[in-house]
Amino acid sequence: KILYPDKIFLLRGNHEFIAVNTIYGF
């Protein structure tokens, strides 16, 4: 994303929430 900000698009999933990724391993 830093190198190619207009070529890489990142959306948020439900695991990109701290309430979820404290449970499932991250």
mmCIF file of all heavy atoms, coordinates in Angstrom:
data_MODEL
# 
_entry.id   MODEL 
# 
loop_
_atom_site.group_PDB 
_atom_site.id 
_atom_site.type_symbol 
_atom_site.label_atom_id 
_atom_site.label_alt_id 
_atom_site.label_comp_id 
_atom_site.label_asym_id 
_atom_site.label_entity_id 
_atom_site.label_seq_id 
_atom_site.pdbx_PDB_ins_code 
_atom_site.Cartn_x 
_atom_site.Cartn_y 
_atom_site.Cartn_z 
_atom_site.occupancy 
_atom_site.B_iso_or_equiv 
_atom_site.pdbx_formal_charge 
_atom_site.auth_seq_id 
_atom_site.auth_comp_id 
_atom_site.auth_asym_id 
_atom_site.auth_atom_id 
_atom_site.pdbx_PDB_model_num 
ATOM 1   N N   . LYS A 1 1  ? 0.840   -1.209  0.000   1.00 0.00 ? 1  LYS A N   1 
ATOM 2   C CA  . LYS A 1 1  ? 0.000   0.000   0.000   1.00 0.00 ? 1  LYS A CA  1 
ATOM 3   C C   . LYS A 1 1  ? 0.869   1.250   0.000   1.00 0.00 ? 1  LYS A C   1 
ATOM 4   O O   . LYS A 1 1  ? 0.544   2.244   -0.664  1.00 0.00 ? 1  LYS A O   1 
ATOM 5   C CB  . LYS A 1 1  ? -0.930  0.000   1.220   1.00 0.00 ? 1  LYS A CB  1 
ATOM 6   C CG  . LYS A 1 1  ? -1.946  1.144   1.226   1.00 0.00 ? 1  LYS A CG  1 
ATOM 7   C CD  . LYS A 1 1  ? -2.895  1.051   0.049   1.00 0.00 ? 1  LYS A CD  1 
ATOM 8   C CE  . LYS A 1 1  ? -3.892  2.202   0.023   1.00 0.00 ? 1  LYS A CE  1 
ATOM 9   N NZ  . LYS A 1 1  ? -4.748  2.187   -1.173  1.00 0.00 ? 1  LYS A NZ  1 
ATOM 10  N N   . ILE A 1 2  ? 1.986   1.214   0.710   1.00 0.00 ? 2  ILE A N   1 
ATOM 11  C CA  . ILE A 1 2  ? 2.910   2.354   0.732   1.00 0.00 ? 2  ILE A CA  1 
ATOM 12  C C   . ILE A 1 2  ? 3.560   2.545   -0.634  1.00 0.00 ? 2  ILE A C   1 
ATOM 13  O O   . ILE A 1 2  ? 3.658   3.668   -1.138  1.00 0.00 ? 2  ILE A O   1 
ATOM 14  C CB  . ILE A 1 2  ? 3.986   2.149   1.814   1.00 0.00 ? 2  ILE A CB  1 
ATOM 15  C CG1 . ILE A 1 2  ? 3.365   2.174   3.214   1.00 0.00 ? 2  ILE A CG1 1 
ATOM 16  C CG2 . ILE A 1 2  ? 5.086   3.218   1.706   1.00 0.00 ? 2  ILE A CG2 1 
ATOM 17  C CD1 . ILE A 1 2  ? 4.298   1.700   4.319   1.00 0.00 ? 2  ILE A CD1 1 
ATOM 18  N N   . LEU A 1 3  ? 4.006   1.446   -1.243  1.00 0.00 ? 3  LEU A N   1 
ATOM 19  C CA  . LEU A 1 3  ? 4.714   1.526   -2.519  1.00 0.00 ? 3  LEU A CA  1 
ATOM 20  C C   . LEU A 1 3  ? 3.780   1.806   -3.695  1.00 0.00 ? 3  LEU A C   1 
ATOM 21  O O   . LEU A 1 3  ? 4.162   2.493   -4.646  1.00 0.00 ? 3  LEU A O   1 
ATOM 22  C CB  . LEU A 1 3  ? 5.482   0.226   -2.770  1.00 0.00 ? 3  LEU A CB  1 
ATOM 23  C CG  . LEU A 1 3  ? 6.599   -0.122  -1.783  1.00 0.00 ? 3  LEU A CG  1 
ATOM 24  C CD1 . LEU A 1 3  ? 7.186   -1.495  -2.127  1.00 0.00 ? 3  LEU A CD1 1 
ATOM 25  C CD2 . LEU A 1 3  ? 7.703   0.939   -1.813  1.00 0.00 ? 3  LEU A CD2 1 
ATOM 26  N N   . TYR A 1 4  ? 2.565   1.252   -3.630  1.00 0.00 ? 4  TYR A N   1 
ATOM 27  C CA  . TYR A 1 4  ? 1.621   1.368   -4.754  1.00 0.00 ? 4  TYR A CA  1 
ATOM 28  C C   . TYR A 1 4  ? 0.242   1.792   -4.251  1.00 0.00 ? 4  TYR A C   1 
ATOM 29  O O   . TYR A 1 4  ? -0.730  1.029   -4.319  1.00 0.00 ? 4  TYR A O   1 
ATOM 30  C CB  . TYR A 1 4  ? 1.500   0.031   -5.486  1.00 0.00 ? 4  TYR A CB  1 
ATOM 31  C CG  . TYR A 1 4  ? 2.808   -0.585  -5.905  1.00 0.00 ? 4  TYR A CG  1 
ATOM 32  C CD1 . TYR A 1 4  ? 3.346   -1.662  -5.192  1.00 0.00 ? 4  TYR A CD1 1 
ATOM 33  C CD2 . TYR A 1 4  ? 3.507   -0.109  -7.010  1.00 0.00 ? 4  TYR A CD2 1 
ATOM 34  C CE1 . TYR A 1 4  ? 4.551   -2.241  -5.579  1.00 0.00 ? 4  TYR A CE1 1 
ATOM 35  C CE2 . TYR A 1 4  ? 4.715   -0.684  -7.396  1.00 0.00 ? 4  TYR A CE2 1 
ATOM 36  C CZ  . TYR A 1 4  ? 5.228   -1.741  -6.677  1.00 0.00 ? 4  TYR A CZ  1 
ATOM 37  O OH  . TYR A 1 4  ? 6.424   -2.312  -7.058  1.00 0.00 ? 4  TYR A OH  1 
ATOM 38  N N   . PRO A 1 5  ? 0.114   2.999   -3.722  1.00 0.00 ? 5  PRO A N   1 
ATOM 39  C CA  . PRO A 1 5  ? -1.155  3.401   -3.099  1.00 0.00 ? 5  PRO A CA  1 
ATOM 40  C C   . PRO A 1 5  ? -2.346  3.425   -4.041  1.00 0.00 ? 5  PRO A C   1 
ATOM 41  O O   . PRO A 1 5  ? -3.494  3.306   -3.580  1.00 0.00 ? 5  PRO A O   1 
ATOM 42  C CB  . PRO A 1 5  ? -0.849  4.807   -2.553  1.00 0.00 ? 5  PRO A CB  1 
ATOM 43  C CG  . PRO A 1 5  ? 0.342   5.281   -3.321  1.00 0.00 ? 5  PRO A CG  1 
ATOM 44  C CD  . PRO A 1 5  ? 1.139   4.054   -3.628  1.00 0.00 ? 5  PRO A CD  1 
ATOM 45  N N   . ASP A 1 6  ? -2.112  3.538   -5.343  1.00 0.00 ? 6  ASP A N   1 
ATOM 46  C CA  . ASP A 1 6  ? -3.235  3.566   -6.282  1.00 0.00 ? 6  ASP A CA  1 
ATOM 47  C C   . ASP A 1 6  ? -3.376  2.245   -7.043  1.00 0.00 ? 6  ASP A C   1 
ATOM 48  O O   . ASP A 1 6  ? -4.130  2.158   -8.012  1.00 0.00 ? 6  ASP A O   1 
ATOM 49  C CB  . ASP A 1 6  ? -3.080  4.719   -7.285  1.00 0.00 ? 6  ASP A CB  1 
ATOM 50  C CG  . ASP A 1 6  ? -4.425  5.204   -7.806  1.00 0.00 ? 6  ASP A CG  1 
ATOM 51  O OD1 . ASP A 1 6  ? -5.405  5.186   -7.031  1.00 0.00 ? 6  ASP A OD1 1 
ATOM 52  O OD2 . ASP A 1 6  ? -4.500  5.605   -8.980  1.00 0.00 ? 6  ASP A OD2 1 
ATOM 53  N N   . LYS A 1 7  ? -2.651  1.218   -6.590  1.00 0.00 ? 7  LYS A N   1 
ATOM 54  C CA  . LYS A 1 7  ? -2.771  -0.112  -7.206  1.00 0.00 ? 7  LYS A CA  1 
ATOM 55  C C   . LYS A 1 7  ? -3.253  -1.161  -6.206  1.00 0.00 ? 7  LYS A C   1 
ATOM 56  O O   . LYS A 1 7  ? -3.759  -2.210  -6.603  1.00 0.00 ? 7  LYS A O   1 
ATOM 57  C CB  . LYS A 1 7  ? -1.417  -0.566  -7.771  1.00 0.00 ? 7  LYS A CB  1 
ATOM 58  C CG  . LYS A 1 7  ? -0.950  0.208   -8.990  1.00 0.00 ? 7  LYS A CG  1 
ATOM 59  C CD  . LYS A 1 7  ? 0.418   -0.251  -9.462  1.00 0.00 ? 7  LYS A CD  1 
ATOM 60  C CE  . LYS A 1 7  ? 0.392   -1.672  -9.987  1.00 0.00 ? 7  LYS A CE  1 
ATOM 61  N NZ  . LYS A 1 7  ? 1.715   -2.080  -10.546 1.00 0.00 ? 7  LYS A NZ  1 
ATOM 62  N N   . ILE A 1 8  ? -3.069  -0.881  -4.929  1.00 0.00 ? 8  ILE A N   1 
ATOM 63  C CA  . ILE A 1 8  ? -3.457  -1.810  -3.870  1.00 0.00 ? 8  ILE A CA  1 
ATOM 64  C C   . ILE A 1 8  ? -4.577  -1.173  -3.056  1.00 0.00 ? 8  ILE A C   1 
ATOM 65  O O   . ILE A 1 8  ? -4.400  -0.103  -2.469  1.00 0.00 ? 8  ILE A O   1 
ATOM 66  C CB  . ILE A 1 8  ? -2.263  -2.144  -2.950  1.00 0.00 ? 8  ILE A CB  1 
ATOM 67  C CG1 . ILE A 1 8  ? -1.095  -2.714  -3.747  1.00 0.00 ? 8  ILE A CG1 1 
ATOM 68  C CG2 . ILE A 1 8  ? -2.693  -3.083  -1.830  1.00 0.00 ? 8  ILE A CG2 1 
ATOM 69  C CD1 . ILE A 1 8  ? -1.342  -4.071  -4.366  1.00 0.00 ? 8  ILE A CD1 1 
ATOM 70  N N   . PHE A 1 9  ? -5.736  -1.818  -3.032  1.00 0.00 ? 9  PHE A N   1 
ATOM 71  C CA  . PHE A 1 9  ? -6.881  -1.315  -2.270  1.00 0.00 ? 9  PHE A CA  1 
ATOM 72  C C   . PHE A 1 9  ? -7.208  -2.315  -1.171  1.00 0.00 ? 9  PHE A C   1 
ATOM 73  O O   . PHE A 1 9  ? -7.359  -3.512  -1.428  1.00 0.00 ? 9  PHE A O   1 
ATOM 74  C CB  . PHE A 1 9  ? -8.085  -1.112  -3.186  1.00 0.00 ? 9  PHE A CB  1 
ATOM 75  C CG  . PHE A 1 9  ? -7.847  -0.116  -4.286  1.00 0.00 ? 9  PHE A CG  1 
ATOM 76  C CD1 . PHE A 1 9  ? -7.396  -0.541  -5.531  1.00 0.00 ? 9  PHE A CD1 1 
ATOM 77  C CD2 . PHE A 1 9  ? -8.051  1.240   -4.085  1.00 0.00 ? 9  PHE A CD2 1 
ATOM 78  C CE1 . PHE A 1 9  ? -7.155  0.367   -6.554  1.00 0.00 ? 9  PHE A CE1 1 
ATOM 79  C CE2 . PHE A 1 9  ? -7.815  2.161   -5.099  1.00 0.00 ? 9  PHE A CE2 1 
ATOM 80  C CZ  . PHE A 1 9  ? -7.364  1.719   -6.337  1.00 0.00 ? 9  PHE A CZ  1 
ATOM 81  N N   . LEU A 1 10 ? -7.310  -1.824  0.059   1.00 0.00 ? 10 LEU A N   1 
ATOM 82  C CA  . LEU A 1 10 ? -7.525  -2.679  1.227   1.00 0.00 ? 10 LEU A CA  1 
ATOM 83  C C   . LEU A 1 10 ? -8.857  -2.335  1.889   1.00 0.00 ? 10 LEU A C   1 
ATOM 84  O O   . LEU A 1 10 ? -9.074  -1.190  2.300   1.00 0.00 ? 10 LEU A O   1 
ATOM 85  C CB  . LEU A 1 10 ? -6.394  -2.487  2.243   1.00 0.00 ? 10 LEU A CB  1 
ATOM 86  C CG  . LEU A 1 10 ? -4.956  -2.709  1.745   1.00 0.00 ? 10 LEU A CG  1 
ATOM 87  C CD1 . LEU A 1 10 ? -3.964  -2.374  2.855   1.00 0.00 ? 10 LEU A CD1 1 
ATOM 88  C CD2 . LEU A 1 10 ? -4.760  -4.137  1.270   1.00 0.00 ? 10 LEU A CD2 1 
ATOM 89  N N   . LEU A 1 11 ? -9.739  -3.319  1.987   1.00 0.00 ? 11 LEU A N   1 
ATOM 90  C CA  . LEU A 1 11 ? -11.009 -3.129  2.695   1.00 0.00 ? 11 LEU A CA  1 
ATOM 91  C C   . LEU A 1 11 ? -10.919 -3.774  4.078   1.00 0.00 ? 11 LEU A C   1 
ATOM 92  O O   . LEU A 1 11 ? -10.049 -4.604  4.348   1.00 0.00 ? 11 LEU A O   1 
ATOM 93  C CB  . LEU A 1 11 ? -12.162 -3.751  1.904   1.00 0.00 ? 11 LEU A CB  1 
ATOM 94  C CG  . LEU A 1 11 ? -12.418 -3.190  0.510   1.00 0.00 ? 11 LEU A CG  1 
ATOM 95  C CD1 . LEU A 1 11 ? -13.670 -3.839  -0.084  1.00 0.00 ? 11 LEU A CD1 1 
ATOM 96  C CD2 . LEU A 1 11 ? -12.559 -1.672  0.521   1.00 0.00 ? 11 LEU A CD2 1 
ATOM 97  N N   . ARG A 1 12 ? -11.839 -3.407  4.933   1.00 0.00 ? 12 ARG A N   1 
ATOM 98  C CA  . ARG A 1 12 ? -11.863 -3.918  6.298   1.00 0.00 ? 12 ARG A CA  1 
ATOM 99  C C   . ARG A 1 12 ? -12.810 -5.110  6.395   1.00 0.00 ? 12 ARG A C   1 
ATOM 100 O O   . ARG A 1 12 ? -13.962 -5.043  5.954   1.00 0.00 ? 12 ARG A O   1 
ATOM 101 C CB  . ARG A 1 12 ? -12.314 -2.814  7.256   1.00 0.00 ? 12 ARG A CB  1 
ATOM 102 C CG  . ARG A 1 12 ? -12.125 -3.134  8.724   1.00 0.00 ? 12 ARG A CG  1 
ATOM 103 C CD  . ARG A 1 12 ? -12.520 -1.937  9.579   1.00 0.00 ? 12 ARG A CD  1 
ATOM 104 N NE  . ARG A 1 12 ? -12.170 -2.152  10.982  1.00 0.00 ? 12 ARG A NE  1 
ATOM 105 C CZ  . ARG A 1 12 ? -12.413 -1.277  11.953  1.00 0.00 ? 12 ARG A CZ  1 
ATOM 106 N NH1 . ARG A 1 12 ? -12.989 -0.118  11.669  1.00 0.00 ? 12 ARG A NH1 1 
ATOM 107 N NH2 . ARG A 1 12 ? -12.074 -1.541  13.201  1.00 0.00 ? 12 ARG A NH2 1 
ATOM 108 N N   . GLY A 1 13 ? -12.310 -6.198  6.961   1.00 0.00 ? 13 GLY A N   1 
ATOM 109 C CA  . GLY A 1 13 ? -13.154 -7.346  7.235   1.00 0.00 ? 13 GLY A CA  1 
ATOM 110 C C   . GLY A 1 13 ? -13.518 -7.390  8.705   1.00 0.00 ? 13 GLY A C   1 
ATOM 111 O O   . GLY A 1 13 ? -13.061 -6.564  9.497   1.00 0.00 ? 13 GLY A O   1 
ATOM 112 N N   . ASN A 1 14 ? -14.315 -8.360  9.108   1.00 0.00 ? 14 ASN A N   1 
ATOM 113 C CA  . ASN A 1 14 ? -14.719 -8.420  10.512  1.00 0.00 ? 14 ASN A CA  1 
ATOM 114 C C   . ASN A 1 14 ? -13.568 -8.803  11.440  1.00 0.00 ? 14 ASN A C   1 
ATOM 115 O O   . ASN A 1 14 ? -13.614 -8.535  12.643  1.00 0.00 ? 14 ASN A O   1 
ATOM 116 C CB  . ASN A 1 14 ? -15.884 -9.401  10.695  1.00 0.00 ? 14 ASN A CB  1 
ATOM 117 C CG  . ASN A 1 14 ? -15.541 -10.817 10.303  1.00 0.00 ? 14 ASN A CG  1 
ATOM 118 O OD1 . ASN A 1 14 ? -15.140 -11.076 9.165   1.00 0.00 ? 14 ASN A OD1 1 
ATOM 119 N ND2 . ASN A 1 14 ? -15.689 -11.752 11.227  1.00 0.00 ? 14 ASN A ND2 1 
ATOM 120 N N   . HIS A 1 15 ? -12.479 -9.387  10.900  1.00 0.00 ? 15 HIS A N   1 
ATOM 121 C CA  . HIS A 1 15 ? -11.334 -9.717  11.741  1.00 0.00 ? 15 HIS A CA  1 
ATOM 122 C C   . HIS A 1 15 ? -10.368 -8.548  11.905  1.00 0.00 ? 15 HIS A C   1 
ATOM 123 O O   . HIS A 1 15 ? -9.405  -8.663  12.658  1.00 0.00 ? 15 HIS A O   1 
ATOM 124 C CB  . HIS A 1 15 ? -10.600 -10.941 11.183  1.00 0.00 ? 15 HIS A CB  1 
ATOM 125 C CG  . HIS A 1 15 ? -11.322 -12.214 11.483  1.00 0.00 ? 15 HIS A CG  1 
ATOM 126 N ND1 . HIS A 1 15 ? -10.980 -13.057 12.514  1.00 0.00 ? 15 HIS A ND1 1 
ATOM 127 C CD2 . HIS A 1 15 ? -12.412 -12.779 10.890  1.00 0.00 ? 15 HIS A CD2 1 
ATOM 128 C CE1 . HIS A 1 15 ? -11.804 -14.086 12.545  1.00 0.00 ? 15 HIS A CE1 1 
ATOM 129 N NE2 . HIS A 1 15 ? -12.687 -13.944 11.566  1.00 0.00 ? 15 HIS A NE2 1 
ATOM 130 N N   . GLU A 1 16 ? -10.631 -7.446  11.215  1.00 0.00 ? 16 GLU A N   1 
ATOM 131 C CA  . GLU A 1 16 ? -9.836  -6.235  11.426  1.00 0.00 ? 16 GLU A CA  1 
ATOM 132 C C   . GLU A 1 16 ? -10.493 -5.370  12.504  1.00 0.00 ? 16 GLU A C   1 
ATOM 133 O O   . GLU A 1 16 ? -10.484 -4.142  12.444  1.00 0.00 ? 16 GLU A O   1 
ATOM 134 C CB  . GLU A 1 16 ? -9.653  -5.462  10.116  1.00 0.00 ? 16 GLU A CB  1 
ATOM 135 C CG  . GLU A 1 16 ? -8.587  -6.053  9.213   1.00 0.00 ? 16 GLU A CG  1 
ATOM 136 C CD  . GLU A 1 16 ? -8.978  -7.398  8.631   1.00 0.00 ? 16 GLU A CD  1 
ATOM 137 O OE1 . GLU A 1 16 ? -9.996  -7.462  7.904   1.00 0.00 ? 16 GLU A OE1 1 
ATOM 138 O OE2 . GLU A 1 16 ? -8.280  -8.394  8.897   1.00 0.00 ? 16 GLU A OE2 1 
ATOM 139 N N   . PHE A 1 17 ? -11.075 -6.024  13.487  1.00 0.00 ? 17 PHE A N   1 
ATOM 140 C CA  . PHE A 1 17 ? -11.657 -5.386  14.661  1.00 0.00 ? 17 PHE A CA  1 
ATOM 141 C C   . PHE A 1 17 ? -11.016 -6.019  15.889  1.00 0.00 ? 17 PHE A C   1 
ATOM 142 O O   . PHE A 1 17 ? -10.907 -7.250  15.985  1.00 0.00 ? 17 PHE A O   1 
ATOM 143 C CB  . PHE A 1 17 ? -13.179 -5.595  14.721  1.00 0.00 ? 17 PHE A CB  1 
ATOM 144 C CG  . PHE A 1 17 ? -13.946 -4.706  13.782  1.00 0.00 ? 17 PHE A CG  1 
ATOM 145 C CD1 . PHE A 1 17 ? -14.051 -5.029  12.437  1.00 0.00 ? 17 PHE A CD1 1 
ATOM 146 C CD2 . PHE A 1 17 ? -14.558 -3.541  14.240  1.00 0.00 ? 17 PHE A CD2 1 
ATOM 147 C CE1 . PHE A 1 17 ? -14.746 -4.212  11.563  1.00 0.00 ? 17 PHE A CE1 1 
ATOM 148 C CE2 . PHE A 1 17 ? -15.261 -2.728  13.368  1.00 0.00 ? 17 PHE A CE2 1 
ATOM 149 C CZ  . PHE A 1 17 ? -15.354 -3.057  12.024  1.00 0.00 ? 17 PHE A CZ  1 
ATOM 150 N N   . ILE A 1 18 ? -10.618 -5.187  16.827  1.00 0.00 ? 18 ILE A N   1 
ATOM 151 C CA  . ILE A 1 18 ? -9.891  -5.693  17.991  1.00 0.00 ? 18 ILE A CA  1 
ATOM 152 C C   . ILE A 1 18 ? -10.732 -6.660  18.807  1.00 0.00 ? 18 ILE A C   1 
ATOM 153 O O   . ILE A 1 18 ? -10.215 -7.613  19.404  1.00 0.00 ? 18 ILE A O   1 
ATOM 154 C CB  . ILE A 1 18 ? -9.379  -4.510  18.851  1.00 0.00 ? 18 ILE A CB  1 
ATOM 155 C CG1 . ILE A 1 18 ? -8.255  -4.986  19.779  1.00 0.00 ? 18 ILE A CG1 1 
ATOM 156 C CG2 . ILE A 1 18 ? -10.517 -3.848  19.613  1.00 0.00 ? 18 ILE A CG2 1 
ATOM 157 C CD1 . ILE A 1 18 ? -7.480  -3.848  20.411  1.00 0.00 ? 18 ILE A CD1 1 
ATOM 158 N N   . ALA A 1 19 ? -12.057 -6.488  18.812  1.00 0.00 ? 19 ALA A N   1 
ATOM 159 C CA  . ALA A 1 19 ? -12.919 -7.390  19.564  1.00 0.00 ? 19 ALA A CA  1 
ATOM 160 C C   . ALA A 1 19 ? -12.904 -8.798  18.984  1.00 0.00 ? 19 ALA A C   1 
ATOM 161 O O   . ALA A 1 19 ? -13.173 -9.773  19.691  1.00 0.00 ? 19 ALA A O   1 
ATOM 162 C CB  . ALA A 1 19 ? -14.352 -6.851  19.574  1.00 0.00 ? 19 ALA A CB  1 
ATOM 163 N N   . VAL A 1 20 ? -12.573 -8.910  17.703  1.00 0.00 ? 20 VAL A N   1 
ATOM 164 C CA  . VAL A 1 20 ? -12.524 -10.218 17.046  1.00 0.00 ? 20 VAL A CA  1 
ATOM 165 C C   . VAL A 1 20 ? -11.110 -10.803 17.080  1.00 0.00 ? 20 VAL A C   1 
ATOM 166 O O   . VAL A 1 20 ? -10.913 -11.972 17.434  1.00 0.00 ? 20 VAL A O   1 
ATOM 167 C CB  . VAL A 1 20 ? -13.025 -10.117 15.581  1.00 0.00 ? 20 VAL A CB  1 
ATOM 168 C CG1 . VAL A 1 20 ? -12.885 -11.466 14.875  1.00 0.00 ? 20 VAL A CG1 1 
ATOM 169 C CG2 . VAL A 1 20 ? -14.479 -9.641  15.550  1.00 0.00 ? 20 VAL A CG2 1 
ATOM 170 N N   . ASN A 1 21 ? -10.110 -9.977  16.735  1.00 0.00 ? 21 ASN A N   1 
ATOM 171 C CA  . ASN A 1 21 ? -8.760  -10.550 16.640  1.00 0.00 ? 21 ASN A CA  1 
ATOM 172 C C   . ASN A 1 21 ? -8.066  -10.742 17.993  1.00 0.00 ? 21 ASN A C   1 
ATOM 173 O O   . ASN A 1 21 ? -6.933  -11.220 18.041  1.00 0.00 ? 21 ASN A O   1 
ATOM 174 C CB  . ASN A 1 21 ? -7.888  -9.784  15.636  1.00 0.00 ? 21 ASN A CB  1 
ATOM 175 C CG  . ASN A 1 21 ? -7.660  -8.329  15.983  1.00 0.00 ? 21 ASN A CG  1 
ATOM 176 O OD1 . ASN A 1 21 ? -7.310  -7.997  17.114  1.00 0.00 ? 21 ASN A OD1 1 
ATOM 177 N ND2 . ASN A 1 21 ? -7.847  -7.451  14.995  1.00 0.00 ? 21 ASN A ND2 1 
ATOM 178 N N   . THR A 1 22 ? -8.762  -10.388 19.082  1.00 0.00 ? 22 THR A N   1 
ATOM 179 C CA  . THR A 1 22 ? -8.271  -10.806 20.400  1.00 0.00 ? 22 THR A CA  1 
ATOM 180 C C   . THR A 1 22 ? -8.697  -12.243 20.704  1.00 0.00 ? 22 THR A C   1 
ATOM 181 O O   . THR A 1 22 ? -8.188  -12.849 21.653  1.00 0.00 ? 22 THR A O   1 
ATOM 182 C CB  . THR A 1 22 ? -8.817  -9.907  21.531  1.00 0.00 ? 22 THR A CB  1 
ATOM 183 O OG1 . THR A 1 22 ? -10.243 -9.862  21.454  1.00 0.00 ? 22 THR A OG1 1 
ATOM 184 C CG2 . THR A 1 22 ? -8.249  -8.523  21.452  1.00 0.00 ? 22 THR A CG2 1 
ATOM 185 N N   . ILE A 1 23 ? -9.602  -12.776 19.904  1.00 0.00 ? 23 ILE A N   1 
ATOM 186 C CA  . ILE A 1 23 ? -10.153 -14.110 20.164  1.00 0.00 ? 23 ILE A CA  1 
ATOM 187 C C   . ILE A 1 23 ? -9.578  -15.174 19.237  1.00 0.00 ? 23 ILE A C   1 
ATOM 188 O O   . ILE A 1 23 ? -9.288  -16.296 19.658  1.00 0.00 ? 23 ILE A O   1 
ATOM 189 C CB  . ILE A 1 23 ? -11.695 -14.083 20.023  1.00 0.00 ? 23 ILE A CB  1 
ATOM 190 C CG1 . ILE A 1 23 ? -12.310 -13.113 21.032  1.00 0.00 ? 23 ILE A CG1 1 
ATOM 191 C CG2 . ILE A 1 23 ? -12.284 -15.484 20.180  1.00 0.00 ? 23 ILE A CG2 1 
ATOM 192 C CD1 . ILE A 1 23 ? -13.800 -12.889 20.840  1.00 0.00 ? 23 ILE A CD1 1 
ATOM 193 N N   . TYR A 1 24 ? -9.356  -14.801 17.972  1.00 0.00 ? 24 TYR A N   1 
ATOM 194 C CA  . TYR A 1 24 ? -9.083  -15.820 16.956  1.00 0.00 ? 24 TYR A CA  1 
ATOM 195 C C   . TYR A 1 24 ? -7.608  -15.955 16.555  1.00 0.00 ? 24 TYR A C   1 
ATOM 196 O O   . TYR A 1 24 ? -7.320  -16.537 15.525  1.00 0.00 ? 24 TYR A O   1 
ATOM 197 C CB  . TYR A 1 24 ? -9.957  -15.568 15.731  1.00 0.00 ? 24 TYR A CB  1 
ATOM 198 C CG  . TYR A 1 24 ? -11.421 -15.839 15.997  1.00 0.00 ? 24 TYR A CG  1 
ATOM 199 C CD1 . TYR A 1 24 ? -12.289 -14.806 16.320  1.00 0.00 ? 24 TYR A CD1 1 
ATOM 200 C CD2 . TYR A 1 24 ? -11.920 -17.140 15.956  1.00 0.00 ? 24 TYR A CD2 1 
ATOM 201 C CE1 . TYR A 1 24 ? -13.626 -15.053 16.586  1.00 0.00 ? 24 TYR A CE1 1 
ATOM 202 C CE2 . TYR A 1 24 ? -13.252 -17.395 16.214  1.00 0.00 ? 24 TYR A CE2 1 
ATOM 203 C CZ  . TYR A 1 24 ? -14.108 -16.349 16.534  1.00 0.00 ? 24 TYR A CZ  1 
ATOM 204 O OH  . TYR A 1 24 ? -15.431 -16.608 16.801  1.00 0.00 ? 24 TYR A OH  1 
ATOM 205 N N   . GLY A 1 25 ? -6.700  -15.396 17.355  1.00 0.00 ? 25 GLY A N   1 
ATOM 206 C CA  . GLY A 1 25 ? -5.308  -15.751 17.141  1.00 0.00 ? 25 GLY A CA  1 
ATOM 207 C C   . GLY A 1 25 ? -4.303  -14.649 16.921  1.00 0.00 ? 25 GLY A C   1 
ATOM 208 O O   . GLY A 1 25 ? -3.117  -14.829 17.219  1.00 0.00 ? 25 GLY A O   1 
ATOM 209 N N   . PHE A 1 26 ? -4.724  -13.501 16.411  1.00 0.00 ? 26 PHE A N   1 
ATOM 210 C CA  . PHE A 1 26 ? -3.742  -12.473 16.059  1.00 0.00 ? 26 PHE A CA  1 
ATOM 211 C C   . PHE A 1 26 ? -3.017  -11.951 17.286  1.00 0.00 ? 26 PHE A C   1 
ATOM 212 O O   . PHE A 1 26 ? -1.793  -11.790 17.283  1.00 0.00 ? 26 PHE A O   1 
ATOM 213 C CB  . PHE A 1 26 ? -4.413  -11.337 15.300  1.00 0.00 ? 26 PHE A CB  1 
ATOM 214 C CG  . PHE A 1 26 ? -3.452  -10.281 14.795  1.00 0.00 ? 26 PHE A CG  1 
ATOM 215 C CD1 . PHE A 1 26 ? -2.290  -10.641 14.139  1.00 0.00 ? 26 PHE A CD1 1 
ATOM 216 C CD2 . PHE A 1 26 ? -3.729  -8.923  14.965  1.00 0.00 ? 26 PHE A CD2 1 
ATOM 217 C CE1 . PHE A 1 26 ? -1.396  -9.672  13.669  1.00 0.00 ? 26 PHE A CE1 1 
ATOM 218 C CE2 . PHE A 1 26 ? -2.854  -7.963  14.490  1.00 0.00 ? 26 PHE A CE2 1 
ATOM 219 C CZ  . PHE A 1 26 ? -1.690  -8.332  13.857  1.00 0.00 ? 26 PHE A CZ  1 
# 
